[in-house]
C-alpha atoms as a PDB file:
ATOM      1  CA  UNK A   1       0.000   0.000   0.000  1.00  0.00           C
ATOM      2  CA  UNK A   2       1.435   3.352  -1.016  1.00  0.00           C
ATOM      3  CA  UNK A   3       0.990   6.116   1.485  1.00  0.00           C
ATOM      4  CA  UNK A   4       1.163   9.669   0.161  1.00  0.00           C
ATOM      5  CA  UNK A   5       3.753  11.638   2.061  1.00  0.00           C
ATOM      6  CA  UNK A   6       2.668  14.765   3.857  1.00  0.00           C
ATOM      7  CA  UNK A   7       5.497  16.401   1.880  1.00  0.00           C
ATOM      8  CA  UNK A   8       4.575  15.282  -1.610  1.00  0.00           C
ATOM      9  CA  UNK A   9       6.208  12.865  -3.965  1.00  0.00           C
ATOM     10  CA  UNK A  10       9.723  12.175  -2.667  1.00  0.00           C
ATOM     11  CA  UNK A  11      12.128  12.576   0.211  1.00  0.00           C
ATOM     12  CA  UNK A  12      15.884  12.236   0.503  1.00  0.00           C
ATOM     13  CA  UNK A  13      17.570  10.173   3.205  1.00  0.00           C
ATOM     14  CA  UNK A  14      21.249  10.969   3.772  1.00  0.00           C
ATOM     15  CA  UNK A  15      23.876   9.211   5.820  1.00  0.00           C
ATOM     16  CA  UNK A  16      26.111  11.478   7.932  1.00  0.00           C
ATOM     17  CA  UNK A  17      29.700  10.207   8.311  1.00  0.00           C
ATOM     18  CA  UNK A  18      31.436   9.924   4.954  1.00  0.00           C
ATOM     19  CA  UNK A  19      28.401  11.253   3.065  1.00  0.00           C
ATOM     20  CA  UNK A  20      27.651  14.667   4.559  1.00  0.00           C
ATOM     21  CA  UNK A  21      31.126  15.161   5.994  1.00  0.00           C
ATOM     22  CA  UNK A  22      33.891  13.807   8.163  1.00  0.00           C
ATOM     23  CA  UNK A  23      35.562  10.495   7.615  1.00  0.00           C
ATOM     24  CA  UNK A  24      33.475   7.392   6.901  1.00  0.00           C
ATOM     25  CA  UNK A  25      33.795   6.637  10.626  1.00  0.00           C
ATOM     26  CA  UNK A  26      33.917   9.514  13.069  1.00  0.00           C
ATOM     27  CA  UNK A  27      35.036   8.240  16.465  1.00  0.00           C
ATOM     28  CA  UNK A  28      33.979  11.390  18.335  1.00  0.00           C
ATOM     29  CA  UNK A  29      31.164  13.500  16.842  1.00  0.00           C
ATOM     30  CA  UNK A  30      32.947  16.702  17.836  1.00  0.00           C
ATOM     31  CA  UNK A  31      35.603  15.827  15.218  1.00  0.00           C
ATOM     32  CA  UNK A  32      33.047  15.952  12.398  1.00  0.00           C
ATOM     33  CA  UNK A  33      32.897  18.791   9.869  1.00  0.00           C
ATOM     34  CA  UNK A  34      30.595  18.935   6.833  1.00  0.00           C
ATOM     35  CA  UNK A  35      32.140  18.675   3.388  1.00  0.00           C
ATOM     36  CA  UNK A  36      32.112  21.719   1.119  1.00  0.00           C
ATOM     37  CA  UNK A  37      28.740  21.730  -0.636  1.00  0.00           C
ATOM     38  CA  UNK A  38      26.818  19.906   2.090  1.00  0.00           C
ATOM     39  CA  UNK A  39      25.021  22.999   3.369  1.00  0.00           C
ATOM     40  CA  UNK A  40      24.252  24.001  -0.211  1.00  0.00           C
ATOM     41  CA  UNK A  41      22.818  20.537  -0.887  1.00  0.00           C
ATOM     42  CA  UNK A  42      20.422  20.843   2.044  1.00  0.00           C
ATOM     43  CA  UNK A  43      19.481  24.373   0.949  1.00  0.00           C
ATOM     44  CA  UNK A  44      18.643  23.102  -2.544  1.00  0.00           C
ATOM     45  CA  UNK A  45      16.375  20.449  -1.034  1.00  0.00           C
ATOM     46  CA  UNK A  46      14.638  23.088   1.120  1.00  0.00           C
ATOM     47  CA  UNK A  47      14.213  25.369  -1.908  1.00  0.00           C
ATOM     48  CA  UNK A  48      12.699  22.483  -3.872  1.00  0.00           C
ATOM     49  CA  UNK A  49      10.468  21.519  -0.907  1.00  0.00           C
ATOM     50  CA  UNK A  50      12.000  18.048  -0.815  1.00  0.00           C
ATOM     51  CA  UNK A  51      12.340  16.827   2.767  1.00  0.00           C
ATOM     52  CA  UNK A  52      15.795  15.710   3.867  1.00  0.00           C
ATOM     53  CA  UNK A  53      16.154  13.084   6.566  1.00  0.00           C
ATOM     54  CA  UNK A  54      19.455  12.122   8.183  1.00  0.00           C
ATOM     55  CA  UNK A  55      19.799   8.429   9.063  1.00  0.00           C
ATOM     56  CA  UNK A  56      23.035   7.685  10.871  1.00  0.00           C
ATOM     57  CA  UNK A  57      24.728   4.992  12.914  1.00  0.00           C
ATOM     58  CA  UNK A  58      26.418   6.598  15.914  1.00  0.00           C
ATOM     59  CA  UNK A  59      28.040   3.845  17.986  1.00  0.00           C
ATOM     60  CA  UNK A  60      29.952   6.613  19.794  1.00  0.00           C
ATOM     61  CA  UNK A  61      26.859   6.970  21.992  1.00  0.00           C
ATOM     62  CA  UNK A  62      26.957   3.315  23.123  1.00  0.00           C
ATOM     63  CA  UNK A  63      30.708   3.568  23.618  1.00  0.00           C
ATOM     64  CA  UNK A  64      30.403   6.719  25.725  1.00  0.00           C
ATOM     65  CA  UNK A  65      32.485   8.776  23.281  1.00  0.00           C
ATOM     66  CA  UNK A  66      29.821  11.278  22.283  1.00  0.00           C
ATOM     67  CA  UNK A  67      30.468  13.631  25.223  1.00  0.00           C
ATOM     68  CA  UNK A  68      26.826  14.721  25.183  1.00  0.00           C
ATOM     69  CA  UNK A  69      27.135  15.968  21.599  1.00  0.00           C
ATOM     70  CA  UNK A  70      24.004  17.720  20.360  1.00  0.00           C
ATOM     71  CA  UNK A  71      23.190  15.931  17.109  1.00  0.00           C
ATOM     72  CA  UNK A  72      19.805  17.674  16.983  1.00  0.00           C
ATOM     73  CA  UNK A  73      21.465  21.105  16.863  1.00  0.00           C
ATOM     74  CA  UNK A  74      23.794  19.933  14.086  1.00  0.00           C
ATOM     75  CA  UNK A  75      21.006  18.494  11.954  1.00  0.00           C
ATOM     76  CA  UNK A  76      18.640  21.388  12.613  1.00  0.00           C
ATOM     77  CA  UNK A  77      21.458  23.805  11.718  1.00  0.00           C
ATOM     78  CA  UNK A  78      22.136  22.096   8.410  1.00  0.00           C
ATOM     79  CA  UNK A  79      18.443  22.197   7.505  1.00  0.00           C
ATOM     80  CA  UNK A  80      17.410  18.559   7.911  1.00  0.00           C
ATOM     81  CA  UNK A  81      13.676  17.978   8.086  1.00  0.00           C
ATOM     82  CA  UNK A  82      14.161  15.235  10.683  1.00  0.00           C
ATOM     83  CA  UNK A  83      16.881  12.849  11.831  1.00  0.00           C
ATOM     84  CA  UNK A  84      17.082   9.289  13.040  1.00  0.00           C
ATOM     85  CA  UNK A  85      20.086   8.061  14.998  1.00  0.00           C
ATOM     86  CA  UNK A  86      21.085   4.534  15.923  1.00  0.00           C
ATOM     87  CA  UNK A  87      22.992   4.879  19.212  1.00  0.00           C
ATOM     88  CA  UNK A  88      23.937   1.196  19.360  1.00  0.00           C
ATOM     89  CA  UNK A  89      27.169  -0.715  18.860  1.00  0.00           C
ATOM     90  CA  UNK A  90      27.537  -3.627  16.433  1.00  0.00           C
ATOM     91  CA  UNK A  91      27.159  -6.162  19.241  1.00  0.00           C
ATOM     92  CA  UNK A  92      23.790  -4.776  20.393  1.00  0.00           C
ATOM     93  CA  UNK A  93      21.902  -6.603  17.630  1.00  0.00           C
ATOM     94  CA  UNK A  94      19.377  -3.820  17.034  1.00  0.00           C
ATOM     95  CA  UNK A  95      17.310  -3.368  13.869  1.00  0.00           C
ATOM     96  CA  UNK A  96      18.036   0.347  13.621  1.00  0.00           C
ATOM     97  CA  UNK A  97      21.756   0.035  12.884  1.00  0.00           C
ATOM     98  CA  UNK A  98      22.257   0.066   9.119  1.00  0.00           C
ATOM     99  CA  UNK A  99      22.163  -2.209   7.173  1.00  0.00           C
ATOM    100  CA  UNK A 100      19.100  -2.787   9.346  1.00  0.00           C
ATOM    101  CA  UNK A 101      16.069  -0.832   8.245  1.00  0.00           C
ATOM    102  CA  UNK A 102      14.759   0.436  11.582  1.00  0.00           C
ATOM    103  CA  UNK A 103      15.760   4.078  11.094  1.00  0.00           C
ATOM    104  CA  UNK A 104      14.129   4.216   7.677  1.00  0.00           C
ATOM    105  CA  UNK A 105      11.012   2.505   9.022  1.00  0.00           C
ATOM    106  CA  UNK A 106      10.780   5.097  11.818  1.00  0.00           C
ATOM    107  CA  UNK A 107      10.942   7.928   9.282  1.00  0.00           C
ATOM    108  CA  UNK A 108       8.421   6.226   6.999  1.00  0.00           C
ATOM    109  CA  UNK A 109       5.957   5.740   9.816  1.00  0.00           C
ATOM    110  CA  UNK A 110       6.404   9.186  11.379  1.00  0.00           C
ATOM    111  CA  UNK A 111       6.110  11.060   8.084  1.00  0.00           C
ATOM    112  CA  UNK A 112       3.799   8.728   6.116  1.00  0.00           C
ATOM    113  CA  UNK A 113       6.287   8.201   3.299  1.00  0.00           C
ATOM    114  CA  UNK A 114       6.014   6.067   0.199  1.00  0.00           C
ATOM    115  CA  UNK A 115       9.616   4.841   0.208  1.00  0.00           C
ATOM    116  CA  UNK A 116       9.516   3.732  -3.428  1.00  0.00           C
ATOM    117  CA  UNK A 117       9.523   7.473  -4.239  1.00  0.00           C
ATOM    118  CA  UNK A 118      12.425   8.213  -1.891  1.00  0.00           C
ATOM    119  CA  UNK A 119      16.192   8.247  -2.265  1.00  0.00           C
ATOM    120  CA  UNK A 120      18.873   6.816   0.011  1.00  0.00           C
ATOM    121  CA  UNK A 121      22.175   8.688  -0.351  1.00  0.00           C
ATOM    122  CA  UNK A 122      25.223   7.159   1.289  1.00  0.00           C
ATOM    123  CA  UNK A 123      28.860   6.187   0.966  1.00  0.00           C
ATOM    124  CA  UNK A 124      28.782   2.678   2.416  1.00  0.00           C
ATOM    125  CA  UNK A 125      27.460  -0.705   1.459  1.00  0.00           C
ATOM    126  CA  UNK A 126      25.318  -0.651   4.621  1.00  0.00           C
ATOM    127  CA  UNK A 127      23.505   2.486   3.401  1.00  0.00           C
ATOM    128  CA  UNK A 128      22.829   0.837   0.043  1.00  0.00           C
ATOM    129  CA  UNK A 129      21.557  -2.391   1.617  1.00  0.00           C
ATOM    130  CA  UNK A 130      19.279  -0.563   4.069  1.00  0.00           C
ATOM    131  CA  UNK A 131      17.796   1.564   1.286  1.00  0.00           C
ATOM    132  CA  UNK A 132      17.593  -1.362  -1.119  1.00  0.00           C
ATOM    133  CA  UNK A 133      15.719  -3.496   1.412  1.00  0.00           C
ATOM    134  CA  UNK A 134      13.156  -0.690   1.654  1.00  0.00           C
ATOM    135  CA  UNK A 135      12.763  -0.382  -2.145  1.00  0.00           C
ATOM    136  CA  UNK A 136      14.317   3.086  -2.255  1.00  0.00           C
ATOM    137  CA  UNK A 137      16.305   4.587  -5.126  1.00  0.00           C
ATOM    138  CA  UNK A 138      19.985   4.329  -4.238  1.00  0.00           C
ATOM    139  CA  UNK A 139      22.561   7.061  -4.772  1.00  0.00           C
ATOM    140  CA  UNK A 140      26.134   6.255  -3.837  1.00  0.00           C
ATOM    141  CA  UNK A 141      28.557   9.109  -3.174  1.00  0.00           C
ATOM    142  CA  UNK A 142      32.290   8.669  -3.741  1.00  0.00           C
ATOM    143  CA  UNK A 143      33.253  10.491  -0.562  1.00  0.00           C
ATOM    144  CA  UNK A 144      34.024   8.537   2.616  1.00  0.00           C
ATOM    145  CA  UNK A 145      33.951   4.825   1.722  1.00  0.00           C
ATOM    146  CA  UNK A 146      32.208   5.349  -1.617  1.00  0.00           C
ATOM    147  CA  UNK A 147      35.053   4.110  -3.809  1.00  0.00           C
ATOM    148  CA  UNK A 148      35.546   1.044  -1.591  1.00  0.00           C
ATOM    149  CA  UNK A 149      31.811   0.391  -1.800  1.00  0.00           C
ATOM    150  CA  UNK A 150      32.098   0.341  -5.591  1.00  0.00           C
ATOM    151  CA  UNK A 151      35.099  -1.994  -5.582  1.00  0.00           C
ATOM    152  CA  UNK A 152      36.288  -4.164  -2.684  1.00  0.00           C
ATOM    153  CA  UNK A 153      32.935  -4.010  -0.821  1.00  0.00           C
ATOM    154  CA  UNK A 154      30.663  -4.387  -3.868  1.00  0.00           C
ATOM    155  CA  UNK A 155      29.848  -8.015  -3.048  1.00  0.00           C
ATOM    156  CA  UNK A 156      28.253  -6.879   0.241  1.00  0.00           C
ATOM    157  CA  UNK A 157      25.492  -5.147  -1.702  1.00  0.00           C
ATOM    158  CA  UNK A 158      25.557  -7.123  -4.946  1.00  0.00           C
ATOM    159  CA  UNK A 159      21.756  -7.530  -4.867  1.00  0.00           C
ATOM    160  CA  UNK A 160      21.271  -3.788  -5.402  1.00  0.00           C
ATOM    161  CA  UNK A 161      22.234  -1.306  -8.099  1.00  0.00           C
ATOM    162  CA  UNK A 162      22.698   2.415  -7.571  1.00  0.00           C
ATOM    163  CA  UNK A 163      20.440   4.651  -9.634  1.00  0.00           C
ATOM    164  CA  UNK A 164      23.326   7.131  -9.688  1.00  0.00           C
ATOM    165  CA  UNK A 165      26.930   7.394  -8.485  1.00  0.00           C
ATOM    166  CA  UNK A 166      27.800  10.954  -7.462  1.00  0.00           C
ATOM    167  CA  UNK A 167      31.092  12.601  -6.653  1.00  0.00           C
ATOM    168  CA  UNK A 168      29.577  14.055  -3.465  1.00  0.00           C
ATOM    169  CA  UNK A 169      26.307  14.930  -1.745  1.00  0.00           C
ATOM    170  CA  UNK A 170      25.869  18.157  -3.687  1.00  0.00           C
ATOM    171  CA  UNK A 171      26.077  16.354  -7.033  1.00  0.00           C
ATOM    172  CA  UNK A 172      23.711  13.675  -5.703  1.00  0.00           C
ATOM    173  CA  UNK A 173      21.127  16.278  -4.681  1.00  0.00           C
ATOM    174  CA  UNK A 174      21.377  18.091  -8.002  1.00  0.00           C
ATOM    175  CA  UNK A 175      20.774  14.787  -9.805  1.00  0.00           C
ATOM    176  CA  UNK A 176      17.795  13.958  -7.551  1.00  0.00           C
ATOM    177  CA  UNK A 177      16.224  17.369  -8.158  1.00  0.00           C
ATOM    178  CA  UNK A 178      16.577  16.915 -11.912  1.00  0.00           C
ATOM    179  CA  UNK A 179      15.091  13.409 -11.669  1.00  0.00           C
ATOM    180  CA  UNK A 180      12.124  14.756  -9.734  1.00  0.00           C
ATOM    181  CA  UNK A 181      11.615  17.587 -12.200  1.00  0.00           C
ATOM    182  CA  UNK A 182      11.584  15.043 -15.029  1.00  0.00           C
ATOM    183  CA  UNK A 183       9.103  12.883 -13.121  1.00  0.00           C
ATOM    184  CA  UNK A 184       6.696  15.783 -12.646  1.00  0.00           C
ATOM    185  CA  UNK A 185       6.866  17.285 -16.153  1.00  0.00           C
ATOM    186  CA  UNK A 186       3.641  16.890 -18.073  1.00  0.00           C
ATOM    187  CA  UNK A 187       3.845  14.578 -21.053  1.00  0.00           C
ATOM    188  CA  UNK A 188       3.973  16.393 -24.390  1.00  0.00           C
ATOM    189  CA  UNK A 189       1.576  15.453 -27.125  1.00  0.00           C
END
């Protein structure tokens, strides 16, 4: 059953570490800095009225390395519509840690999204598997672990194909916006 989003046709889900900025694994969230173009990417989504959700594994919380970091302030400041954080470590066996789908399911349920119209943008195989399991369109960025995901880690997500491979988040967002414009153009006679 397709549920019409309160936002319209599509939404963009973005991973944080390695996709929006920082290294592919940021041990302490205070060490994170967004890549050039990340703020612009979120601004483009706002201008286009396409909601942007951050879905991120943050095992630093379970490991006590977060130091009380205010993820909400970071994501609000960058212009995210909403954010979903897995605070667990690998050994916790939760469903929210990607490649599990729990974070995406939370967003879908909270915002009444039709995920087949949504995009998962990430740099790791786990982002691609989580989005693929939820029937989302996959966009791999070559920042962070993106090049490894295309080569040495490709077997980990061999069941899924990216709709687009982008240099970075900004290029990914520009491609998504163009895709959505094409999808909403009236057919010519």
